Amino acid sequence: MYIGLISDTHGTFSEPFKEFLAPVDVIWHAGDWGGGEDFVRSITDFKPAVGVYGNCDGYDIRYLYPEYQLLKVQGLSILLTHIGGSPGHYYPQAQKLINQFKPDVFICGHSHILKVMHDDKYNLLYINPGAAGLQGWQLVRTALRFKIEEGRIKEMEVFEYPRNSATFADSF
């Protein structure tokens, strides 16, 4: 399975991100979609999407997506939520979910900081794709894509797009 991973779009799904995600089978969205149901449809019409709501998402998106998802893909257990913290500094709710489900992979957003690392304490791969949108302080907008095969994540690629390259059309 070929996965595209984004977070914190805040109502922006730019053409360069579509080009990067074009070969994937599915997009996983780690919350803060923004833009309401029409914006969500702009992503789900492009590719099937699995996601969670974020703290900035309204009730329309919270109706469509849960607070967290536990996915089983090719032998891997993947926990997806929006507010997660990071290894050694997990938010209390994320810590509770990690202890409860013991995932192989923990994915979150919220920080707008791209980070991929192994958490030795919980023996999991921590992934935060950073922010694909324009809201926030990040200088670079980011996304990830990777394959899951035979219980392993392979061929992870990072996409970086300078925030100052945005145009007015990017917000639609």
Protein backbone atom coordinates (compact mmCIF):
# COMPACT_ATOMS: atom_id res chain seq x y z
CA MET A 1 0.00 0.00 0.00
CA TYR A 2 1.29 3.43 -0.96
CA ILE A 3 0.33 6.14 1.55
CA GLY A 4 0.46 9.92 1.42
CA LEU A 5 0.54 11.58 4.83
CA ILE A 6 -0.46 15.19 5.49
CA SER A 7 -1.62 17.26 8.41
CA ASP A 8 -2.58 20.79 9.28
CA THR A 9 -3.83 21.78 5.84
CA HIS A 10 -6.08 24.44 7.39
CA GLY A 11 -8.09 24.74 4.18
CA THR A 12 -5.15 24.66 1.73
CA PHE A 13 -4.41 21.76 -0.64
CA SER A 14 -2.03 23.21 -3.22
CA GLU A 15 -1.23 21.82 -6.66
CA PRO A 16 2.40 20.92 -5.75
CA PHE A 17 1.05 18.71 -2.95
CA LYS A 18 -1.38 17.05 -5.36
CA GLU A 19 1.51 16.34 -7.73
CA PHE A 20 3.57 14.81 -4.91
CA LEU A 21 0.62 12.70 -3.71
CA ALA A 22 -0.61 11.68 -7.17
CA PRO A 23 0.97 8.18 -7.12
CA VAL A 24 -0.33 7.17 -3.66
CA ASP A 25 -3.26 4.82 -3.05
CA VAL A 26 -4.67 6.71 -0.08
CA ILE A 27 -4.09 9.92 1.87
CA TRP A 28 -3.91 9.82 5.65
CA HIS A 29 -4.71 13.18 7.23
CA ALA A 30 -3.61 13.82 10.82
CA GLY A 31 -6.14 16.58 11.53
CA ASP A 32 -6.78 20.29 11.25
CA TRP A 33 -8.29 19.92 7.79
CA GLY A 34 -9.90 23.37 7.88
CA GLY A 35 -12.21 24.71 5.22
CA GLY A 36 -15.24 22.56 6.08
CA GLU A 37 -16.87 19.71 4.16
CA ASP A 38 -16.23 21.24 0.72
CA PHE A 39 -12.53 21.36 1.45
CA VAL A 40 -12.54 17.76 2.72
CA ARG A 41 -14.25 16.78 -0.55
CA SER A 42 -11.48 18.48 -2.53
CA ILE A 43 -9.10 15.96 -0.98
CA THR A 44 -11.37 12.90 -1.00
CA ASP A 45 -12.34 13.52 -4.64
CA PHE A 46 -8.62 13.48 -5.43
CA LYS A 47 -7.77 10.32 -3.43
CA PRO A 48 -9.49 8.16 -0.83
CA ALA A 49 -8.70 9.58 2.61
CA VAL A 50 -8.48 8.28 6.14
CA GLY A 51 -8.20 10.85 8.86
CA VAL A 52 -8.92 12.33 12.24
CA TYR A 53 -10.20 15.72 13.27
CA GLY A 54 -7.95 18.34 14.79
CA ASN A 55 -8.43 20.95 17.46
CA CYS A 56 -9.20 23.65 14.85
CA ASP A 57 -11.79 21.56 12.98
CA GLY A 58 -15.46 22.35 13.34
CA TYR A 59 -18.32 19.99 14.01
CA ASP A 60 -18.82 19.31 10.30
CA ILE A 61 -15.38 17.65 10.10
CA ARG A 62 -15.71 16.08 13.56
CA TYR A 63 -18.88 14.40 12.28
CA LEU A 64 -16.91 12.90 9.38
CA TYR A 65 -13.73 11.87 11.24
CA PRO A 66 -12.99 10.57 14.75
CA GLU A 67 -10.52 11.87 17.32
CA TYR A 68 -8.22 8.91 16.68
CA GLN A 69 -8.04 5.84 14.48
CA LEU A 70 -6.32 2.52 14.98
CA LEU A 71 -5.41 1.08 11.58
CA LYS A 72 -4.15 -2.39 10.74
CA VAL A 73 -2.18 -2.35 7.50
CA GLN A 74 -0.04 -5.20 6.19
CA GLY A 75 0.67 -6.47 9.70
CA LEU A 76 1.37 -3.05 11.24
CA SER A 77 -0.72 -1.43 13.95
CA ILE A 78 -0.94 2.31 13.31
CA LEU A 79 -2.39 4.86 15.73
CA LEU A 80 -3.44 8.15 14.13
CA THR A 81 -4.49 11.23 16.11
CA HIS A 82 -3.99 14.99 15.86
CA ILE A 83 -2.50 16.19 19.14
CA GLY A 84 0.23 13.77 20.12
CA GLY A 85 3.29 15.56 21.38
CA SER A 86 6.56 13.78 20.67
CA PRO A 87 8.67 10.98 22.13
CA GLY A 88 9.43 11.75 25.76
CA HIS A 89 6.77 14.46 25.75
CA TYR A 90 3.49 12.86 24.69
CA TYR A 91 0.25 14.64 25.49
CA PRO A 92 -1.72 12.80 28.21
CA GLN A 93 -4.48 11.55 25.86
CA ALA A 94 -1.90 10.36 23.31
CA GLN A 95 0.07 8.64 26.08
CA LYS A 96 -3.09 6.85 27.19
CA LEU A 97 -3.80 5.66 23.63
CA ILE A 98 -0.21 4.49 23.12
CA ASN A 99 -0.36 2.51 26.39
CA GLN A 100 -3.76 1.06 25.48
CA PHE A 101 -3.10 0.05 21.85
CA LYS A 102 0.70 -0.41 21.80
CA PRO A 103 1.00 0.60 18.13
CA ASP A 104 3.94 -0.12 15.86
CA VAL A 105 3.54 3.36 14.37
CA PHE A 106 2.22 6.52 16.03
CA ILE A 107 1.17 9.37 13.71
CA CYS A 108 0.11 12.83 14.82
CA GLY A 109 0.10 16.42 13.60
CA HIS A 110 -0.59 19.69 15.44
CA SER A 111 2.99 20.92 15.97
CA HIS A 112 3.57 21.87 12.30
CA ILE A 113 7.03 20.30 12.74
CA LEU A 114 8.07 17.42 10.48
CA LYS A 115 9.59 14.70 12.62
CA VAL A 116 10.17 10.99 12.02
CA MET A 117 11.99 9.01 14.69
CA HIS A 118 12.03 5.72 16.55
CA ASP A 119 10.75 5.84 20.12
CA ASP A 120 12.82 3.24 21.97
CA LYS A 121 10.72 3.44 25.12
CA TYR A 122 7.54 2.31 23.35
CA ASN A 123 9.24 0.51 20.46
CA LEU A 124 7.30 2.47 17.85
CA LEU A 125 7.96 4.67 14.87
CA TYR A 126 6.83 8.24 15.56
CA ILE A 127 5.72 10.25 12.52
CA ASN A 128 4.55 13.84 12.29
CA PRO A 129 4.27 15.06 8.68
CA GLY A 130 4.47 18.73 9.65
CA ALA A 131 2.03 21.18 8.08
CA ALA A 132 0.82 21.20 4.47
CA GLY A 133 -1.17 24.41 4.90
CA LEU A 134 -0.42 28.10 5.25
CA GLN A 135 -1.68 28.72 8.78
CA GLY A 136 1.00 28.76 11.47
CA TRP A 137 4.59 29.82 11.79
CA GLN A 138 6.38 27.15 9.73
CA LEU A 139 8.64 28.38 6.91
CA VAL A 140 8.36 25.17 4.91
CA ARG A 141 5.17 23.23 4.17
CA THR A 142 5.66 19.47 4.21
CA ALA A 143 4.13 16.09 3.40
CA LEU A 144 5.31 12.48 3.40
CA ARG A 145 4.69 9.44 1.27
CA PHE A 146 5.75 5.87 1.94
CA LYS A 147 4.94 2.26 1.22
CA ILE A 148 3.86 -0.37 3.70
CA GLU A 149 4.88 -3.84 2.59
CA GLU A 150 5.19 -7.04 4.58
CA GLY A 151 4.81 -5.26 7.91
CA ARG A 152 7.45 -2.61 7.18
CA ILE A 153 7.48 1.03 6.16
CA LYS A 154 9.64 1.49 3.08
CA GLU A 155 10.72 4.21 0.67
CA MET A 156 9.66 7.18 2.81
CA GLU A 157 9.95 10.47 0.94
CA VAL A 158 9.65 14.03 2.23
CA PHE A 159 8.08 16.82 0.21
CA GLU A 160 9.00 20.38 1.12
CA TYR A 161 7.40 23.47 -0.35
CA PRO A 162 8.46 26.97 0.69
CA ARG A 163 5.68 28.81 2.45
CA ASN A 164 6.44 32.00 0.54
CA SER A 165 5.71 30.19 -2.75
CA ALA A 166 2.00 30.26 -1.96
CA THR A 167 -0.39 32.15 -4.16
CA PHE A 168 -3.93 33.36 -3.58
CA ALA A 169 -5.20 30.29 -5.47
CA ASP A 170 -3.56 28.00 -2.89
CA SER A 171 -6.29 28.78 -0.38
CA PHE A 172 -9.00 27.09 -2.48
